[in-house]
Protein backbone atom coordinates (compact mmCIF):
# COMPACT_ATOMS: atom_id res chain seq x y z
CA MET A 1 0.18 -0.55 -0.35
CA GLN A 2 1.38 3.12 -0.97
CA ALA A 3 1.66 5.72 1.49
CA GLY A 4 -0.38 8.17 2.49
CA TRP A 5 -3.16 9.47 5.28
CA TYR A 6 -5.59 6.07 5.80
CA ASP A 7 -8.36 5.23 9.38
CA ASP A 8 -6.26 2.52 11.23
CA GLY A 9 -8.64 1.86 13.14
CA SER A 10 -10.13 3.79 15.38
CA GLY A 11 -11.71 6.58 13.51
CA ARG A 12 -8.75 9.03 12.95
CA GLN A 13 -6.56 9.38 10.07
CA ARG A 14 -3.06 7.99 10.76
CA TRP A 15 -0.13 8.61 8.47
CA TRP A 16 0.99 5.62 7.06
CA ASP A 17 4.82 5.74 5.59
CA GLY A 18 4.36 2.66 2.72
CA GLU A 19 5.83 -0.80 5.86
CA ARG A 20 4.06 1.00 8.86
CA TRP A 21 2.25 3.02 11.43
CA THR A 22 3.75 6.28 12.25
CA ASP A 23 2.81 9.08 15.27
CA ASP A 24 1.69 11.65 12.94
CA PHE A 25 -2.11 12.40 13.11
CA ALA A 26 -3.91 13.96 10.14
CA PRO A 27 -5.32 17.65 11.80
CA GLY A 28 -9.25 17.90 12.04
CA HIS A 29 -9.88 19.63 9.21
CA ALA A 30 -7.81 18.04 7.03
CA ALA A 31 -9.71 15.70 4.19
CA ALA A 32 -9.51 12.08 4.34
CA PRO A 33 -8.71 10.62 1.21
CA VAL A 34 -10.88 8.06 0.14
CA SER A 35 -9.40 4.59 0.21
CA SER A 36 -10.36 0.87 -0.99
CA ALA A 37 -6.89 -0.36 1.24
CA PRO A 38 -7.91 -2.19 4.10
CA ALA A 39 -4.86 -0.88 7.30
CA GLY A 40 -1.56 -0.91 6.38
CA PRO A 41 -1.14 -4.19 8.74
CA LEU A 42 -3.02 -6.66 7.02
CA SER A 43 -3.08 -5.50 3.36
CA GLY A 44 0.05 -8.00 2.63
CA SER A 45 -0.36 -11.30 1.95
CA LYS A 46 1.26 -14.12 4.01
CA GLY A 47 3.10 -17.13 1.47
CA SER A 48 2.14 -20.75 2.14
CA ALA A 49 4.30 -22.54 4.87
CA PRO A 50 6.54 -24.75 3.73
CA VAL A 51 5.26 -28.16 4.86
CA LEU A 52 6.45 -30.52 2.45
CA GLY A 53 10.05 -28.83 3.03
CA PHE A 54 9.70 -29.40 7.13
CA VAL A 55 8.59 -33.09 6.35
CA GLY A 56 11.64 -33.86 4.05
CA LEU A 57 13.81 -32.16 6.67
CA GLY A 58 12.65 -33.92 9.03
CA LEU A 59 12.64 -36.94 6.96
CA ALA A 60 17.08 -36.62 6.52
CA VAL A 61 17.15 -36.57 10.13
CA LEU A 62 15.66 -39.56 10.65
CA GLY A 63 17.63 -41.28 7.70
CA THR A 64 20.82 -39.57 9.40
CA VAL A 65 20.21 -41.74 12.69
CA LEU A 66 19.96 -44.57 10.68
CA ALA A 67 22.51 -44.54 8.70
CA CYS A 68 25.01 -44.55 11.93
CA ILE A 69 23.50 -47.46 12.66
CA PRO A 70 24.95 -50.88 11.42
CA ALA A 71 21.73 -53.02 11.84
CA ALA A 72 19.72 -50.99 10.47
CA PHE A 73 21.85 -48.64 7.50
CA GLY A 74 19.65 -49.74 4.53
CA ILE A 75 16.35 -48.45 6.49
CA GLY A 76 18.52 -45.81 6.79
CA VAL A 77 19.26 -44.89 3.32
CA ILE A 78 15.81 -45.05 2.56
CA VAL A 79 14.23 -42.77 4.62
CA LEU A 80 16.95 -41.36 3.07
CA LEU A 81 16.28 -41.15 -0.14
CA ALA A 82 12.33 -40.27 0.52
CA GLY A 83 13.33 -37.00 2.58
CA PHE A 84 15.35 -36.24 -0.82
CA VAL A 85 12.75 -36.44 -3.12
CA VAL A 86 10.11 -34.73 -1.06
CA SER A 87 12.94 -32.00 -0.28
CA LEU A 88 12.79 -31.81 -3.86
CA ILE A 89 9.47 -31.06 -3.97
CA GLY A 90 9.91 -28.59 -1.75
CA LEU A 91 11.66 -26.70 -3.70
CA PHE A 92 9.79 -26.32 -6.59
CA ARG A 93 6.23 -25.59 -4.96
CA LYS A 94 5.62 -21.13 -5.50
CA GLY A 95 5.07 -19.16 -2.50
CA ALA A 96 6.43 -21.92 0.07
CA THR A 97 10.32 -20.52 1.69
CA LYS A 98 12.21 -22.36 0.44
CA TRP A 99 15.56 -23.21 3.14
CA PRO A 100 14.14 -26.47 4.34
CA SER A 101 13.58 -28.01 1.49
CA ILE A 102 17.07 -27.04 1.47
CA VAL A 103 18.95 -28.26 4.10
CA GLY A 104 16.92 -31.60 4.01
CA MET A 105 18.02 -32.14 0.50
CA ILE A 106 21.69 -31.67 1.88
CA LEU A 107 21.46 -33.28 5.00
CA ALA A 108 19.79 -36.49 3.18
CA VAL A 109 23.01 -36.26 0.67
CA ILE A 110 25.63 -35.79 4.00
CA GLY A 111 23.54 -38.37 6.24
CA GLY A 112 23.96 -41.08 3.88
CA ALA A 113 27.78 -40.44 3.51
CA ILE A 114 28.08 -40.53 6.80
CA GLY A 115 26.80 -43.87 7.50
CA THR A 116 28.30 -45.48 4.69
CA VAL A 117 31.82 -44.82 6.30
CA VAL A 118 30.14 -46.21 9.83
CA LEU A 119 29.30 -49.38 7.86
CA ILE A 120 32.70 -50.11 6.02
CA ALA A 121 34.50 -48.60 9.62
CA SER A 122 32.42 -51.31 11.52
CA LEU A 123 33.01 -53.78 8.52
CA VAL A 124 36.88 -53.09 9.24
CA ALA A 125 36.20 -53.36 13.09
CA ASN A 126 35.09 -56.78 13.01
CA LEU A 127 37.98 -57.46 11.28
CA PRO A 128 39.54 -60.04 13.43
CA GLY A 129 42.82 -58.69 15.44
CA PRO A 130 46.11 -60.56 15.94
CA VAL A 131 47.38 -64.01 17.59
CA ASP A 132 48.65 -63.34 20.11
CA PRO A 133 52.58 -64.45 20.22
CA THR A 134 52.78 -64.98 24.26
CA THR A 135 50.43 -67.69 23.95
CA PRO A 136 51.32 -71.45 24.66
CA THR A 137 50.88 -73.64 23.31
CA ASP A 138 49.47 -77.05 24.52
CA ALA A 139 53.03 -79.02 24.23
CA PRO A 140 56.56 -78.41 22.34
CA SER A 141 57.01 -81.11 19.17
CA THR A 142 59.27 -84.22 19.66
CA SER A 143 59.22 -85.54 16.50
CA THR A 144 61.85 -85.32 14.76
CA GLN A 145 60.28 -85.45 11.64
CA GLU A 146 62.62 -83.31 8.86
CA PRO A 147 60.61 -80.41 7.45
CA THR A 148 59.36 -79.91 4.08
CA ASP A 149 61.60 -77.99 1.28
CA ALA A 150 58.88 -75.40 2.07
CA PRO A 151 56.39 -73.99 4.24
CA THR A 152 52.01 -75.05 3.42
CA SER A 153 50.18 -72.15 1.73
CA GLY A 154 47.30 -72.86 2.52
CA THR A 155 46.75 -74.44 -1.21
CA ALA A 156 47.14 -78.41 -0.38
CA GLU A 157 42.70 -78.47 0.68
CA GLY A 158 41.85 -76.21 -2.30
CA ARG A 159 40.60 -72.74 -2.59
CA LEU A 160 36.89 -72.60 -1.31
CA SER A 161 34.08 -72.00 -3.61
CA PRO A 162 32.37 -69.02 -4.17
CA GLU A 163 29.42 -70.90 -2.57
CA GLU A 164 31.70 -71.38 0.66
CA LEU A 165 32.77 -67.97 1.09
CA GLY A 166 30.05 -66.22 0.82
CA GLU A 167 28.49 -68.22 3.65
CA ARG A 168 31.22 -68.06 5.61
CA VAL A 169 31.05 -64.61 5.27
CA LYS A 170 27.68 -64.20 6.49
CA GLU A 171 28.15 -65.55 9.67
CA MET A 172 31.61 -63.64 9.91
CA LEU A 173 29.14 -60.28 9.74
CA HIS A 174 26.04 -62.40 11.41
CA ASP A 175 29.15 -62.71 14.90
CA GLY A 176 29.80 -59.09 14.95
CA GLY A 177 25.94 -58.23 14.89
CA ILE A 178 25.84 -57.56 11.25
CA THR A 179 22.67 -58.90 9.91
CA GLU A 180 20.98 -56.14 7.00
CA HIS A 181 21.82 -57.19 4.74
CA ASP A 182 19.78 -60.26 4.69
CA THR A 183 17.32 -58.64 3.31
CA THR A 184 19.84 -58.15 0.25
CA PRO A 185 19.84 -62.20 -1.34
CA ASN A 186 22.58 -61.71 -3.67
CA PHE A 187 24.96 -59.93 -1.18
CA TYR A 188 26.20 -63.08 0.24
CA PRO A 189 26.65 -64.66 -2.66
CA CYS A 190 28.07 -61.63 -4.42
CA MET A 191 31.15 -61.47 -1.97
CA GLY A 192 31.81 -65.18 -1.99
CA GLN A 193 32.34 -64.24 -5.31
CA PHE A 194 34.57 -61.32 -5.17
CA LEU A 195 36.54 -62.81 -2.86
CA TYR A 196 37.53 -66.09 -4.87
CA ASP A 197 38.47 -63.79 -8.49
CA SER A 198 40.49 -61.92 -5.65
CA GLU A 199 44.43 -62.32 -5.46
CA LEU A 200 44.56 -63.34 -2.17
CA SER A 201 45.87 -66.63 -2.01
CA ASP A 202 43.62 -69.45 -0.43
CA GLU A 203 44.37 -70.03 3.50
CA THR A 204 44.51 -66.58 3.34
CA LEU A 205 40.80 -66.03 2.36
CA ARG A 206 39.98 -69.64 4.30
CA LEU A 207 41.44 -67.33 7.94
CA VAL A 208 39.70 -64.29 7.21
CA THR A 209 36.64 -66.11 5.98
CA SER A 210 36.62 -68.14 9.54
CA GLY A 211 37.06 -65.38 11.66
CA GLN A 212 41.04 -65.13 11.83
CA ASP A 213 43.96 -63.50 11.34
CA PRO A 214 44.94 -63.14 7.44
CA LEU A 215 48.68 -64.18 7.14
CA GLU A 216 50.90 -61.14 7.61
CA ALA A 217 52.07 -60.44 4.66
CA GLU A 218 48.00 -60.42 3.42
CA ARG A 219 46.72 -58.75 5.85
CA GLU A 220 46.28 -55.09 4.17
CA ALA A 221 45.09 -56.29 1.27
CA ALA A 222 42.76 -58.85 2.91
CA GLY A 223 41.14 -55.68 4.88
CA GLN A 224 41.69 -53.90 1.36
CA ALA A 225 40.06 -56.65 -0.49
CA ILE A 226 36.48 -57.18 1.97
CA ILE A 227 36.08 -53.07 1.93
CA ASP A 228 35.71 -53.24 -1.72
CA GLY A 229 33.67 -56.41 -1.78
CA THR A 230 31.04 -54.51 0.51
CA LEU A 231 30.53 -51.61 -1.34
CA ALA A 232 30.99 -53.55 -5.35
CA CYS A 233 27.78 -55.27 -4.15
CA GLU A 234 25.81 -53.31 -1.95
CA ASP A 235 25.76 -50.99 -5.63
CA ALA A 236 24.61 -54.99 -7.62
CA GLY A 237 22.20 -55.19 -5.00
CA ALA A 238 20.86 -52.15 -5.13
CA ALA A 239 20.62 -52.79 -9.11
CA VAL A 240 18.86 -55.54 -8.72
CA ASN A 241 16.37 -54.33 -6.43
């Protein structure tokens, strides 16, 4: 509403500066202009409430919390995706405040990244630690049999099949309290095939998938293989679903 003299509701003409009432009142002989506009504070129209923006932001917060719990990672990812989509819709809604939608979209992306890091850290933490060298054996060997030319590498029994490796990975994760991959049927077979195709020795595969410490020379490679296999098989499971 433009600046001018208007009735402020008390029957007197008061000066409206275009934004608010001033303390100036028209003298009694001043002619009051006729105006069909409502009183200043009532002339503005409010934008629509950002309902979708706040809903998307709430879903993003909930999804971030769930994604940071390894056992609920899969549910958290679904909630984060829903929060992102709702926030995106709210962003393009005309007349609504935009900041809740923008914050919801950013939080959905960051929450997914944080949840993935926490999941990988949890998997790495469940790898078996080094064997205590001070643990005594049952009894010293008194055999006089001559040693073989070279230590065995575990290949005598052959390489475990992808199915066996997948089942061993499943048991290892369950022992660590991680069960969210049970909802993705092809995750464990994928992990078994990934480890089977890796360059890890047969002995290291048997040790790692049975909850034991891998060979010292392959410790770093074994940890990296578990991480790479988890990421690859999660992506494969998402593509299938």
